[in-house]
């Protein structure tokens, strides 16, 4: 599980770098949508981290009203990704099925196992990074090769010689 969160952090960092290349004057809607999509995934990460810690959070929606700057978002995402990597590295697999009961931001009740929450954060991030990739393409920027296989082989090049 730790490797999947290392992948998530790597992909987020690469995507933030590419978003910063969008010409905000030429593509204001795409820039805003790209930042807001990535901010949404970050807010959802923070909400579920609070659930994992059995703590409350201050979010009333799955995005913030204000659109953060790239620098603000980058710093926040790095901190969150670091927390998730550490949590995954210390996670006791016997806790996989521990149930966490929580409230969604729309006040509906929810219940997921720890493993389901962690899987959700990985899958949710991949989904929205794909959305942002399409926005990058619309701005004339090549979208990243955001795949787990690419991450593994860049970080462990010896895999190519097996």
C-alpha atoms as a PDB file:
ATOM      1  CA  UNK A   1       0.000   0.000   0.000  1.00  0.00           C
ATOM      2  CA  UNK A   2       2.881   2.387   0.748  1.00  0.00           C
ATOM      3  CA  UNK A   3       4.116   2.080  -2.842  1.00  0.00           C
ATOM      4  CA  UNK A   4       0.694   3.138  -4.131  1.00  0.00           C
ATOM      5  CA  UNK A   5       0.794   6.289  -2.016  1.00  0.00           C
ATOM      6  CA  UNK A   6       4.353   6.996  -3.149  1.00  0.00           C
ATOM      7  CA  UNK A   7       2.994   6.711  -6.699  1.00  0.00           C
ATOM      8  CA  UNK A   8       0.154   9.103  -5.825  1.00  0.00           C
ATOM      9  CA  UNK A   9       2.639  11.676  -4.472  1.00  0.00           C
ATOM     10  CA  UNK A  10       4.860  11.319  -7.552  1.00  0.00           C
ATOM     11  CA  UNK A  11       1.908  11.728  -9.930  1.00  0.00           C
ATOM     12  CA  UNK A  12       0.560  14.730  -8.005  1.00  0.00           C
ATOM     13  CA  UNK A  13       3.946  16.449  -8.106  1.00  0.00           C
ATOM     14  CA  UNK A  14       4.321  15.882 -11.835  1.00  0.00           C
ATOM     15  CA  UNK A  15       0.796  17.114 -12.497  1.00  0.00           C
ATOM     16  CA  UNK A  16       1.237  20.258 -10.401  1.00  0.00           C
ATOM     17  CA  UNK A  17       4.353  21.099 -12.403  1.00  0.00           C
ATOM     18  CA  UNK A  18       2.400  20.746 -15.651  1.00  0.00           C
ATOM     19  CA  UNK A  19      -0.548  22.793 -14.375  1.00  0.00           C
ATOM     20  CA  UNK A  20       1.887  25.596 -13.594  1.00  0.00           C
ATOM     21  CA  UNK A  21       2.772  25.628 -17.310  1.00  0.00           C
ATOM     22  CA  UNK A  22      -0.790  26.493 -18.361  1.00  0.00           C
ATOM     23  CA  UNK A  23      -0.907  30.051 -19.659  1.00  0.00           C
ATOM     24  CA  UNK A  24      -3.502  31.467 -17.281  1.00  0.00           C
ATOM     25  CA  UNK A  25      -4.289  34.423 -19.570  1.00  0.00           C
ATOM     26  CA  UNK A  26      -4.862  32.252 -22.660  1.00  0.00           C
ATOM     27  CA  UNK A  27      -6.658  29.412 -20.855  1.00  0.00           C
ATOM     28  CA  UNK A  28      -8.251  30.870 -17.701  1.00  0.00           C
ATOM     29  CA  UNK A  29     -11.115  28.354 -17.566  1.00  0.00           C
ATOM     30  CA  UNK A  30      -8.851  25.334 -18.040  1.00  0.00           C
ATOM     31  CA  UNK A  31      -6.377  26.637 -15.450  1.00  0.00           C
ATOM     32  CA  UNK A  32      -9.108  27.196 -12.885  1.00  0.00           C
ATOM     33  CA  UNK A  33     -10.736  23.832 -13.579  1.00  0.00           C
ATOM     34  CA  UNK A  34      -7.387  22.004 -13.366  1.00  0.00           C
ATOM     35  CA  UNK A  35      -6.518  23.612 -10.035  1.00  0.00           C
ATOM     36  CA  UNK A  36     -10.015  23.078  -8.640  1.00  0.00           C
ATOM     37  CA  UNK A  37     -10.065  19.404  -9.672  1.00  0.00           C
ATOM     38  CA  UNK A  38      -6.750  18.745  -7.977  1.00  0.00           C
ATOM     39  CA  UNK A  39      -7.858  20.789  -4.967  1.00  0.00           C
ATOM     40  CA  UNK A  40     -11.020  18.655  -4.799  1.00  0.00           C
ATOM     41  CA  UNK A  41      -8.956  15.458  -4.592  1.00  0.00           C
ATOM     42  CA  UNK A  42      -6.839  17.088  -1.897  1.00  0.00           C
ATOM     43  CA  UNK A  43      -9.889  18.114   0.150  1.00  0.00           C
ATOM     44  CA  UNK A  44     -11.322  14.597  -0.115  1.00  0.00           C
ATOM     45  CA  UNK A  45      -7.953  13.208   1.032  1.00  0.00           C
ATOM     46  CA  UNK A  46      -8.037  15.544   4.057  1.00  0.00           C
ATOM     47  CA  UNK A  47     -11.625  14.581   4.880  1.00  0.00           C
ATOM     48  CA  UNK A  48     -10.845  10.867   4.825  1.00  0.00           C
ATOM     49  CA  UNK A  49      -7.636  11.365   6.804  1.00  0.00           C
ATOM     50  CA  UNK A  50      -9.789  12.955   9.497  1.00  0.00           C
ATOM     51  CA  UNK A  51     -12.092   9.920   9.342  1.00  0.00           C
ATOM     52  CA  UNK A  52      -9.111   7.555   9.653  1.00  0.00           C
ATOM     53  CA  UNK A  53      -7.955   9.493  12.707  1.00  0.00           C
ATOM     54  CA  UNK A  54     -11.497   9.580  14.070  1.00  0.00           C
ATOM     55  CA  UNK A  55     -11.278  13.347  14.213  1.00  0.00           C
ATOM     56  CA  UNK A  56     -13.635  16.012  12.977  1.00  0.00           C
ATOM     57  CA  UNK A  57     -12.821  18.269  10.043  1.00  0.00           C
ATOM     58  CA  UNK A  58     -14.023  21.706   9.053  1.00  0.00           C
ATOM     59  CA  UNK A  59     -15.016  20.926   5.467  1.00  0.00           C
ATOM     60  CA  UNK A  60     -18.643  21.479   4.494  1.00  0.00           C
ATOM     61  CA  UNK A  61     -18.078  20.495   0.850  1.00  0.00           C
ATOM     62  CA  UNK A  62     -15.604  18.459  -1.159  1.00  0.00           C
ATOM     63  CA  UNK A  63     -13.864  21.567  -2.458  1.00  0.00           C
ATOM     64  CA  UNK A  64     -12.990  24.951  -1.039  1.00  0.00           C
ATOM     65  CA  UNK A  65     -14.834  28.108  -2.018  1.00  0.00           C
ATOM     66  CA  UNK A  66     -11.612  29.878  -2.952  1.00  0.00           C
ATOM     67  CA  UNK A  67      -9.279  28.531  -5.613  1.00  0.00           C
ATOM     68  CA  UNK A  68      -5.792  28.163  -4.116  1.00  0.00           C
ATOM     69  CA  UNK A  69      -2.620  29.248  -5.854  1.00  0.00           C
ATOM     70  CA  UNK A  70      -0.421  26.532  -7.325  1.00  0.00           C
ATOM     71  CA  UNK A  71       2.145  27.180  -4.580  1.00  0.00           C
ATOM     72  CA  UNK A  72      -0.466  26.842  -1.824  1.00  0.00           C
ATOM     73  CA  UNK A  73      -1.940  23.705  -3.362  1.00  0.00           C
ATOM     74  CA  UNK A  74       1.495  22.174  -3.925  1.00  0.00           C
ATOM     75  CA  UNK A  75       2.502  22.702  -0.292  1.00  0.00           C
ATOM     76  CA  UNK A  76      -0.794  21.322   1.027  1.00  0.00           C
ATOM     77  CA  UNK A  77      -0.754  18.285  -1.246  1.00  0.00           C
ATOM     78  CA  UNK A  78       2.861  17.474  -0.364  1.00  0.00           C
ATOM     79  CA  UNK A  79       2.007  17.494   3.330  1.00  0.00           C
ATOM     80  CA  UNK A  80      -1.041  15.319   2.802  1.00  0.00           C
ATOM     81  CA  UNK A  81       0.801  12.880   0.544  1.00  0.00           C
ATOM     82  CA  UNK A  82       3.590  12.646   3.133  1.00  0.00           C
ATOM     83  CA  UNK A  83       1.013  11.824   5.829  1.00  0.00           C
ATOM     84  CA  UNK A  84      -0.559   9.125   3.648  1.00  0.00           C
ATOM     85  CA  UNK A  85       2.822   7.544   2.812  1.00  0.00           C
ATOM     86  CA  UNK A  86       3.687   7.416   6.517  1.00  0.00           C
ATOM     87  CA  UNK A  87       0.269   6.028   7.432  1.00  0.00           C
ATOM     88  CA  UNK A  88       0.573   3.320   4.776  1.00  0.00           C
ATOM     89  CA  UNK A  89       4.104   2.405   5.899  1.00  0.00           C
ATOM     90  CA  UNK A  90       3.007   2.013   9.525  1.00  0.00           C
ATOM     91  CA  UNK A  91      -0.345   0.458   8.714  1.00  0.00           C
ATOM     92  CA  UNK A  92      -1.000  -2.909  10.301  1.00  0.00           C
ATOM     93  CA  UNK A  93      -2.736  -5.094   7.704  1.00  0.00           C
ATOM     94  CA  UNK A  94      -4.780  -6.665  10.486  1.00  0.00           C
ATOM     95  CA  UNK A  95      -6.591  -3.302  10.561  1.00  0.00           C
ATOM     96  CA  UNK A  96      -7.701  -3.586   6.897  1.00  0.00           C
ATOM     97  CA  UNK A  97     -11.251  -4.504   7.804  1.00  0.00           C
ATOM     98  CA  UNK A  98     -11.688  -2.106  10.734  1.00  0.00           C
ATOM     99  CA  UNK A  99     -14.865  -0.164  10.011  1.00  0.00           C
ATOM    100  CA  UNK A 100     -14.892   3.620  10.138  1.00  0.00           C
ATOM    101  CA  UNK A 101     -18.302   5.269  10.469  1.00  0.00           C
ATOM    102  CA  UNK A 102     -18.499   8.885   9.325  1.00  0.00           C
ATOM    103  CA  UNK A 103     -20.656  11.629   7.857  1.00  0.00           C
ATOM    104  CA  UNK A 104     -20.266  12.782   4.279  1.00  0.00           C
ATOM    105  CA  UNK A 105     -20.184  16.541   3.707  1.00  0.00           C
ATOM    106  CA  UNK A 106     -23.822  16.345   2.541  1.00  0.00           C
ATOM    107  CA  UNK A 107     -24.689  14.924   6.005  1.00  0.00           C
ATOM    108  CA  UNK A 108     -25.383  11.394   4.744  1.00  0.00           C
ATOM    109  CA  UNK A 109     -23.931   8.644   6.896  1.00  0.00           C
ATOM    110  CA  UNK A 110     -21.117   6.515   5.569  1.00  0.00           C
ATOM    111  CA  UNK A 111     -19.229   3.418   6.594  1.00  0.00           C
ATOM    112  CA  UNK A 112     -16.074   2.004   5.029  1.00  0.00           C
ATOM    113  CA  UNK A 113     -13.241  -0.244   6.088  1.00  0.00           C
ATOM    114  CA  UNK A 114      -9.797   1.294   6.439  1.00  0.00           C
ATOM    115  CA  UNK A 115      -8.697  -0.594   3.326  1.00  0.00           C
ATOM    116  CA  UNK A 116     -11.696   0.708   1.361  1.00  0.00           C
ATOM    117  CA  UNK A 117     -10.849   4.269   2.386  1.00  0.00           C
ATOM    118  CA  UNK A 118      -7.229   3.873   1.308  1.00  0.00           C
ATOM    119  CA  UNK A 119      -8.279   2.281  -1.989  1.00  0.00           C
ATOM    120  CA  UNK A 120     -10.780   5.090  -2.538  1.00  0.00           C
ATOM    121  CA  UNK A 121      -8.102   7.757  -2.107  1.00  0.00           C
ATOM    122  CA  UNK A 122      -5.874   6.079  -4.700  1.00  0.00           C
ATOM    123  CA  UNK A 123      -8.692   5.492  -7.217  1.00  0.00           C
ATOM    124  CA  UNK A 124     -10.274   8.920  -6.716  1.00  0.00           C
ATOM    125  CA  UNK A 125      -6.935  10.630  -7.330  1.00  0.00           C
ATOM    126  CA  UNK A 126      -6.268   8.672 -10.522  1.00  0.00           C
ATOM    127  CA  UNK A 127      -9.728   9.520 -11.838  1.00  0.00           C
ATOM    128  CA  UNK A 128      -9.347  13.264 -11.381  1.00  0.00           C
ATOM    129  CA  UNK A 129      -5.720  13.397 -12.512  1.00  0.00           C
ATOM    130  CA  UNK A 130      -7.065  11.945 -15.757  1.00  0.00           C
ATOM    131  CA  UNK A 131      -9.561  14.816 -15.941  1.00  0.00           C
ATOM    132  CA  UNK A 132      -6.734  17.309 -15.454  1.00  0.00           C
ATOM    133  CA  UNK A 133      -4.695  15.535 -18.122  1.00  0.00           C
ATOM    134  CA  UNK A 134      -7.451  16.209 -20.641  1.00  0.00           C
ATOM    135  CA  UNK A 135      -7.450  19.899 -19.667  1.00  0.00           C
ATOM    136  CA  UNK A 136      -3.679  20.028 -20.186  1.00  0.00           C
ATOM    137  CA  UNK A 137      -4.115  18.603 -23.676  1.00  0.00           C
ATOM    138  CA  UNK A 138      -6.684  21.309 -24.459  1.00  0.00           C
ATOM    139  CA  UNK A 139      -4.015  23.871 -23.490  1.00  0.00           C
ATOM    140  CA  UNK A 140      -1.399  22.329 -25.791  1.00  0.00           C
ATOM    141  CA  UNK A 141       0.528  20.635 -22.973  1.00  0.00           C
ATOM    142  CA  UNK A 142       1.318  16.936 -23.204  1.00  0.00           C
ATOM    143  CA  UNK A 143      -0.390  15.135 -20.379  1.00  0.00           C
ATOM    144  CA  UNK A 144       1.812  13.026 -18.141  1.00  0.00           C
ATOM    145  CA  UNK A 145       2.164   9.283 -18.396  1.00  0.00           C
ATOM    146  CA  UNK A 146       0.362   8.880 -15.071  1.00  0.00           C
ATOM    147  CA  UNK A 147       0.593   5.136 -14.716  1.00  0.00           C
ATOM    148  CA  UNK A 148       1.684   2.924 -11.877  1.00  0.00           C
ATOM    149  CA  UNK A 149       3.845   0.897 -14.268  1.00  0.00           C
ATOM    150  CA  UNK A 150       5.755   4.030 -15.338  1.00  0.00           C
ATOM    151  CA  UNK A 151       6.282   5.010 -11.698  1.00  0.00           C
ATOM    152  CA  UNK A 152       7.599   1.556 -10.784  1.00  0.00           C
ATOM    153  CA  UNK A 153      10.028   1.381 -13.691  1.00  0.00           C
ATOM    154  CA  UNK A 154      11.332   4.930 -13.222  1.00  0.00           C
ATOM    155  CA  UNK A 155      11.969   4.255  -9.545  1.00  0.00           C
ATOM    156  CA  UNK A 156      13.261   0.720 -10.006  1.00  0.00           C
ATOM    157  CA  UNK A 157      14.968   0.613 -13.429  1.00  0.00           C
ATOM    158  CA  UNK A 158      16.310  -2.870 -12.697  1.00  0.00           C
ATOM    159  CA  UNK A 159      12.775  -4.140 -13.384  1.00  0.00           C
ATOM    160  CA  UNK A 160      13.498  -3.690 -17.101  1.00  0.00           C
ATOM    161  CA  UNK A 161      16.353  -6.208 -16.990  1.00  0.00           C
ATOM    162  CA  UNK A 162      14.500  -9.035 -15.272  1.00  0.00           C
END
